[in-house]
Amino acid sequence: MTSVEALRIRKEHFIKLLTDFPEITIEVMRVLADRLSHTTSELTAARSRARQSE
């Protein structure tokens, strides 16, 4: 484990950042898509293991 420093951004400010800097929007969407894909793969594998153990 390591230390982490986080910045909390209010929703209104985050939306303004996305509007003012479209490249941020694209990067956020890319990261979210990658995470969703990874989670979907893990869920599919877990379901497959569960079916095999039945």
N, C-alpha and C. Protein backbone atom coordinates (compact mmCIF):
# COMPACT_ATOMS: atom_id res chain seq x y z
N MET A 1 0.83 -1.18 0.00
CA MET A 1 0.00 0.00 0.00
C MET A 1 0.88 1.25 0.00
N THR A 2 0.37 2.25 -0.66
CA THR A 2 1.08 3.52 -0.72
C THR A 2 0.13 4.66 -0.38
N SER A 3 0.71 5.79 -0.04
CA SER A 3 -0.10 6.97 0.24
C SER A 3 -0.70 7.51 -1.04
N VAL A 4 -1.83 8.16 -0.89
CA VAL A 4 -2.51 8.75 -2.04
C VAL A 4 -2.97 10.15 -1.67
N GLU A 5 -2.86 11.05 -2.60
CA GLU A 5 -3.38 12.39 -2.41
C GLU A 5 -4.46 12.60 -3.45
N ALA A 6 -5.64 13.00 -3.02
CA ALA A 6 -6.78 13.14 -3.92
C ALA A 6 -7.31 14.56 -3.89
N LEU A 7 -7.90 14.95 -4.99
CA LEU A 7 -8.53 16.25 -5.11
C LEU A 7 -10.02 16.03 -5.34
N ARG A 8 -10.83 16.66 -4.53
CA ARG A 8 -12.27 16.54 -4.68
C ARG A 8 -12.75 17.72 -5.52
N ILE A 9 -13.48 17.40 -6.59
CA ILE A 9 -13.98 18.44 -7.51
C ILE A 9 -15.50 18.38 -7.50
N ARG A 10 -16.12 19.51 -7.28
CA ARG A 10 -17.58 19.56 -7.32
C ARG A 10 -18.07 19.27 -8.74
N LYS A 11 -19.25 18.68 -8.81
CA LYS A 11 -19.82 18.26 -10.09
C LYS A 11 -19.83 19.41 -11.11
N GLU A 12 -20.23 20.58 -10.67
CA GLU A 12 -20.32 21.73 -11.57
C GLU A 12 -18.95 22.08 -12.16
N HIS A 13 -17.91 22.02 -11.32
CA HIS A 13 -16.56 22.32 -11.79
C HIS A 13 -16.05 21.24 -12.74
N PHE A 14 -16.38 19.99 -12.42
CA PHE A 14 -15.96 18.88 -13.28
C PHE A 14 -16.58 19.02 -14.67
N ILE A 15 -17.87 19.32 -14.72
CA ILE A 15 -18.55 19.49 -16.00
C ILE A 15 -17.95 20.66 -16.78
N LYS A 16 -17.62 21.74 -16.07
CA LYS A 16 -16.98 22.89 -16.74
C LYS A 16 -15.62 22.48 -17.31
N LEU A 17 -14.84 21.70 -16.56
CA LEU A 17 -13.56 21.22 -17.07
C LEU A 17 -13.75 20.40 -18.34
N LEU A 18 -14.76 19.52 -18.32
CA LEU A 18 -15.02 18.68 -19.50
C LEU A 18 -15.44 19.53 -20.70
N THR A 19 -16.18 20.59 -20.43
CA THR A 19 -16.63 21.47 -21.50
C THR A 19 -15.47 22.30 -22.05
N ASP A 20 -14.65 22.82 -21.14
CA ASP A 20 -13.54 23.68 -21.54
C ASP A 20 -12.38 22.92 -22.17
N PHE A 21 -12.22 21.66 -21.80
CA PHE A 21 -11.09 20.86 -22.29
C PHE A 21 -11.59 19.52 -22.81
N PRO A 22 -12.05 19.48 -24.06
CA PRO A 22 -12.61 18.23 -24.62
C PRO A 22 -11.65 17.05 -24.58
N GLU A 23 -10.36 17.31 -24.59
CA GLU A 23 -9.40 16.20 -24.53
C GLU A 23 -9.50 15.46 -23.19
N ILE A 24 -9.87 16.17 -22.14
CA ILE A 24 -10.08 15.53 -20.84
C ILE A 24 -11.29 14.60 -20.93
N THR A 25 -12.34 15.07 -21.60
CA THR A 25 -13.55 14.25 -21.77
C THR A 25 -13.21 12.94 -22.47
N ILE A 26 -12.43 13.03 -23.52
CA ILE A 26 -12.05 11.83 -24.28
C ILE A 26 -11.25 10.87 -23.41
N GLU A 27 -10.31 11.40 -22.63
CA GLU A 27 -9.49 10.55 -21.77
C GLU A 27 -10.33 9.91 -20.67
N VAL A 28 -11.23 10.65 -20.06
CA VAL A 28 -12.11 10.09 -19.03
C VAL A 28 -12.96 8.97 -19.63
N MET A 29 -13.50 9.20 -20.81
CA MET A 29 -14.31 8.16 -21.47
C MET A 29 -13.47 6.92 -21.78
N ARG A 30 -12.22 7.12 -22.21
CA ARG A 30 -11.34 5.99 -22.51
C ARG A 30 -11.07 5.17 -21.26
N VAL A 31 -10.76 5.84 -20.16
CA VAL A 31 -10.48 5.14 -18.90
C VAL A 31 -11.73 4.39 -18.43
N LEU A 32 -12.89 5.03 -18.48
CA LEU A 32 -14.12 4.37 -18.06
C LEU A 32 -14.43 3.16 -18.94
N ALA A 33 -14.22 3.28 -20.24
CA ALA A 33 -14.46 2.16 -21.15
C ALA A 33 -13.50 1.00 -20.84
N ASP A 34 -12.24 1.31 -20.56
CA ASP A 34 -11.26 0.27 -20.21
C ASP A 34 -11.67 -0.44 -18.92
N ARG A 35 -12.10 0.34 -17.93
CA ARG A 35 -12.50 -0.25 -16.65
C ARG A 35 -13.75 -1.11 -16.81
N LEU A 36 -14.70 -0.64 -17.60
CA LEU A 36 -15.91 -1.42 -17.85
C LEU A 36 -15.58 -2.72 -18.56
N SER A 37 -14.69 -2.66 -19.53
CA SER A 37 -14.29 -3.86 -20.26
C SER A 37 -13.62 -4.86 -19.32
N HIS A 38 -12.74 -4.36 -18.46
CA HIS A 38 -12.05 -5.22 -17.50
C HIS A 38 -13.04 -5.86 -16.53
N THR A 39 -13.96 -5.07 -16.02
CA THR A 39 -14.96 -5.57 -15.08
C THR A 39 -15.86 -6.61 -15.74
N THR A 40 -16.25 -6.36 -16.99
CA THR A 40 -17.08 -7.30 -17.73
C THR A 40 -16.34 -8.63 -17.91
N SER A 41 -15.06 -8.56 -18.24
CA SER A 41 -14.26 -9.79 -18.39
C SER A 41 -14.18 -10.56 -17.09
N GLU A 42 -13.94 -9.85 -15.99
CA GLU A 42 -13.88 -10.51 -14.69
C GLU A 42 -15.21 -11.15 -14.32
N LEU A 43 -16.30 -10.46 -14.58
CA LEU A 43 -17.63 -10.99 -14.28
C LEU A 43 -17.92 -12.22 -15.12
N THR A 44 -17.58 -12.17 -16.39
CA THR A 44 -17.79 -13.32 -17.28
C THR A 44 -17.00 -14.52 -16.78
N ALA A 45 -15.75 -14.32 -16.39
CA ALA A 45 -14.92 -15.41 -15.88
C ALA A 45 -15.49 -15.97 -14.58
N ALA A 46 -15.95 -15.10 -13.69
CA ALA A 46 -16.52 -15.55 -12.42
C ALA A 46 -17.79 -16.36 -12.66
N ARG A 47 -18.61 -15.91 -13.58
CA ARG A 47 -19.84 -16.67 -13.89
C ARG A 47 -19.50 -18.04 -14.46
N SER A 48 -18.49 -18.07 -15.31
CA SER A 48 -18.07 -19.34 -15.91
C SER A 48 -17.57 -20.31 -14.84
N ARG A 49 -16.78 -19.79 -13.89
CA ARG A 49 -16.28 -20.65 -12.80
C ARG A 49 -17.44 -21.13 -11.93
N ALA A 50 -18.41 -20.27 -11.69
CA ALA A 50 -19.56 -20.66 -10.87
C ALA A 50 -20.36 -21.76 -11.54
N ARG A 51 -20.54 -21.65 -12.84
CA ARG A 51 -21.29 -22.69 -13.57
C ARG A 51 -20.54 -24.03 -13.55
N GLN A 52 -19.21 -23.97 -13.64
CA GLN A 52 -18.42 -25.20 -13.64
C GLN A 52 -18.45 -25.90 -12.29
N SER A 53 -18.63 -25.14 -11.22
CA SER A 53 -18.63 -25.74 -9.89
C SER A 53 -20.00 -26.27 -9.48
N GLU A 54 -21.01 -26.04 -10.29
CA GLU A 54 -22.37 -26.53 -9.97
C GLU A 54 -22.49 -28.02 -10.20
